Structure formats: C-alpha cells, structure tokens
Protein backbone atom coordinates (compact mmCIF):
# COMPACT_ATOMS: atom_id res chain seq x y z
CA UNK A 1 0.00 0.00 0.00
CA UNK A 2 1.45 3.34 -0.97
CA UNK A 3 1.75 6.24 1.41
CA UNK A 4 -1.76 7.75 1.47
CA UNK A 5 -0.28 11.23 1.83
CA UNK A 6 1.83 10.96 -1.31
CA UNK A 7 3.70 14.23 -0.81
CA UNK A 8 4.03 13.93 2.96
CA UNK A 9 5.93 11.17 4.78
CA UNK A 10 4.45 9.64 7.91
CA UNK A 11 6.50 9.19 11.06
CA UNK A 12 5.00 6.57 13.35
CA UNK A 13 6.48 6.24 16.84
CA UNK A 14 5.60 3.05 18.70
CA UNK A 15 6.30 3.09 22.42
CA UNK A 16 5.93 0.48 25.11
CA UNK A 17 7.77 -1.64 27.61
CA UNK A 18 9.88 -4.61 26.49
CA UNK A 19 7.63 -7.44 25.38
CA UNK A 20 4.63 -5.19 24.71
CA UNK A 21 4.47 -5.94 20.97
CA UNK A 22 6.23 -2.87 19.55
CA UNK A 23 8.43 -4.68 17.04
CA UNK A 24 5.63 -7.00 15.94
CA UNK A 25 3.26 -4.09 15.34
CA UNK A 26 5.96 -2.11 13.52
CA UNK A 27 6.69 -5.05 11.22
CA UNK A 28 2.98 -5.44 10.45
CA UNK A 29 2.61 -1.74 9.62
CA UNK A 30 5.67 -1.82 7.38
CA UNK A 31 4.42 -4.95 5.63
CA UNK A 32 1.28 -3.15 4.44
CA UNK A 33 2.89 0.23 3.76
CA UNK A 34 6.11 1.39 2.19
CA UNK A 35 7.47 2.58 5.55
CA UNK A 36 10.94 1.73 6.84
CA UNK A 37 11.15 0.09 10.27
CA UNK A 38 13.82 1.35 12.65
CA UNK A 39 14.58 0.59 16.28
CA UNK A 40 17.65 0.97 18.44
CA UNK A 41 17.85 -2.82 18.87
CA UNK A 42 18.74 -3.14 15.17
CA UNK A 43 22.05 -1.46 15.95
CA UNK A 44 22.89 -3.96 18.71
CA UNK A 45 23.30 -6.87 16.30
CA UNK A 46 26.83 -8.25 16.05
CA UNK A 47 28.55 -9.46 12.86
CA UNK A 48 27.20 -12.97 13.45
CA UNK A 49 23.63 -11.68 13.54
CA UNK A 50 23.23 -12.07 17.31
CA UNK A 51 21.65 -9.43 19.54
CA UNK A 52 24.21 -8.11 22.02
CA UNK A 53 22.93 -5.48 24.43
CA UNK A 54 25.64 -3.13 25.63
CA UNK A 55 24.49 -0.23 27.80
CA UNK A 56 27.68 1.67 26.90
CA UNK A 57 26.44 1.85 23.30
CA UNK A 58 22.94 3.14 24.06
CA UNK A 59 23.68 6.77 23.24
CA UNK A 60 25.36 5.79 19.96
CA UNK A 61 22.67 3.34 18.83
CA UNK A 62 19.93 5.86 19.52
CA UNK A 63 21.88 8.51 17.61
CA UNK A 64 22.21 6.09 14.67
CA UNK A 65 18.50 5.31 14.80
CA UNK A 66 17.68 9.03 14.80
CA UNK A 67 20.10 9.70 11.92
CA UNK A 68 18.62 6.89 9.82
CA UNK A 69 15.13 8.19 10.49
CA UNK A 70 16.15 11.73 9.56
CA UNK A 71 17.67 10.51 6.30
CA UNK A 72 14.56 8.57 5.30
CA UNK A 73 12.22 11.43 6.19
CA UNK A 74 14.36 13.91 4.24
CA UNK A 75 14.01 11.60 1.23
CA UNK A 76 10.22 11.64 1.66
CA UNK A 77 10.09 8.06 2.99
CA UNK A 78 7.69 7.13 5.78
CA UNK A 79 9.28 5.61 8.89
CA UNK A 80 8.08 3.50 11.81
CA UNK A 81 10.30 3.75 14.91
CA UNK A 82 9.66 1.25 17.69
CA UNK A 83 11.58 2.03 20.86
CA UNK A 84 10.63 1.99 24.52
CA UNK A 85 10.25 5.79 24.76
CA UNK A 86 9.24 5.49 28.43
CA UNK A 87 9.88 9.20 28.98
CA UNK A 88 8.66 11.91 26.65
CA UNK A 89 12.11 13.51 26.22
CA UNK A 90 13.25 10.27 24.55
CA UNK A 91 10.93 11.05 21.63
CA UNK A 92 11.88 14.71 21.29
CA UNK A 93 14.40 14.29 18.46
CA UNK A 94 11.74 12.43 16.46
CA UNK A 95 9.05 15.00 17.25
CA UNK A 96 11.41 17.71 16.01
CA UNK A 97 12.16 15.67 12.86
CA UNK A 98 8.48 15.27 12.06
CA UNK A 99 8.04 19.02 12.28
CA UNK A 100 11.20 19.82 10.31
CA UNK A 101 10.27 17.41 7.50
CA UNK A 102 6.56 18.29 7.57
CA UNK A 103 5.81 14.63 8.24
CA UNK A 104 2.49 13.46 9.56
CA UNK A 105 3.04 12.15 13.08
CA UNK A 106 1.31 9.32 14.84
CA UNK A 107 2.24 7.86 18.21
CA UNK A 108 1.05 4.41 19.21
CA UNK A 109 1.39 2.86 22.66
CA UNK A 110 1.67 -0.90 23.11
CA UNK A 111 0.54 -2.35 26.42
CA UNK A 112 0.75 -6.10 25.76
CA UNK A 113 2.71 -8.48 27.95
CA UNK A 114 4.03 -11.07 25.56
CA UNK A 115 7.44 -11.69 27.13
CA UNK A 116 10.47 -9.90 25.81
CA UNK A 117 12.78 -11.56 23.31
CA UNK A 118 15.92 -9.84 24.60
CA UNK A 119 15.75 -11.17 28.14
CA UNK A 120 15.35 -7.78 29.82
CA UNK A 121 15.23 -8.54 33.57
CA UNK A 122 11.96 -7.90 35.40
CA UNK A 123 13.58 -5.32 37.69
CA UNK A 124 14.63 -3.26 34.65
CA UNK A 125 11.13 -3.49 33.17
CA UNK A 126 9.62 -2.46 36.51
CA UNK A 127 11.98 0.54 36.65
CA UNK A 128 10.83 1.55 33.16
CA UNK A 129 7.20 1.10 34.23
CA UNK A 130 7.76 3.41 37.23
CA UNK A 131 9.22 6.19 35.09
CA UNK A 132 6.61 5.80 32.32
CA UNK A 133 5.19 9.16 31.28
CA UNK A 134 1.80 9.62 29.72
CA UNK A 135 1.69 11.36 26.37
CA UNK A 136 0.87 15.05 26.49
CA UNK A 137 -2.69 15.65 25.36
CA UNK A 138 -1.61 17.19 22.06
CA UNK A 139 -0.14 13.81 21.01
CA UNK A 140 -2.96 11.61 22.33
C-alpha cells in the first residue's frame, strides 16, 4: 500500500515496555505500507547476527536510529520507529524531525505483555514502568 499522503511522509512512533508488541506491530505496519522500520535494537546486532545489548552503546545506537530516520524522512520516505520511549524527552528528536520534514506524526502505545525476546530482567522493566510518562494531550 502506498503512502496515502503521497507528498508527505508519515512518522510513526511506537512506544511500550519490552515485550509489549512494539516490534511485531511495527513489522505489520511496514508490511502493508512502504514505511521503513527502525529501532535501536537493530544497531545492537553483532557481525554474526546475534543481539548483544551493551548499555555503553545506548547513546550511539539511539543517535544512529535518529540519523537513519532523519535521512529517510528527508528523502520523503515514511518511517516507523519502535523504541521503549518510556519518557517523553526520549521522543523529542523524532518529534522535532516530524516538524522539520513536515511529516504526519502518529504515536502508538503498546501495552501487551508477551514476554520480551531480549531477556530484559523484570527489575529493569519495573523501573521503566515506574518512570513511564503519559503522552501530552496534544499527542494523544
């Protein structure tokens, strides 16, 4: 399915705790649209194709994800970004990009509990849950 706003890319941000269904939903959206799927986890894959979380690389992988998104939006390509985004400031670079590129913006929250594929410990998920911020009304 082609982008229904032919001259305007769509930036979809999918937020939720680990195991909530973000990646699955993003893949489904991209399968029926021409959007590109990005998430920070994609930049934690080693040369053998294995996921290797390294907290020291978080800033860099998020910067890469943002840069890739910016490049696609500047080319007029729609993008789906699925990251935890537990706090609103974590989305700010993407919110700014949507405005700068005149992209339509949609934010989707996932609340499923399907079990996370990366083995994030329960205490880390609970910490994310405690700092979870509701979307400001203008994005709801």
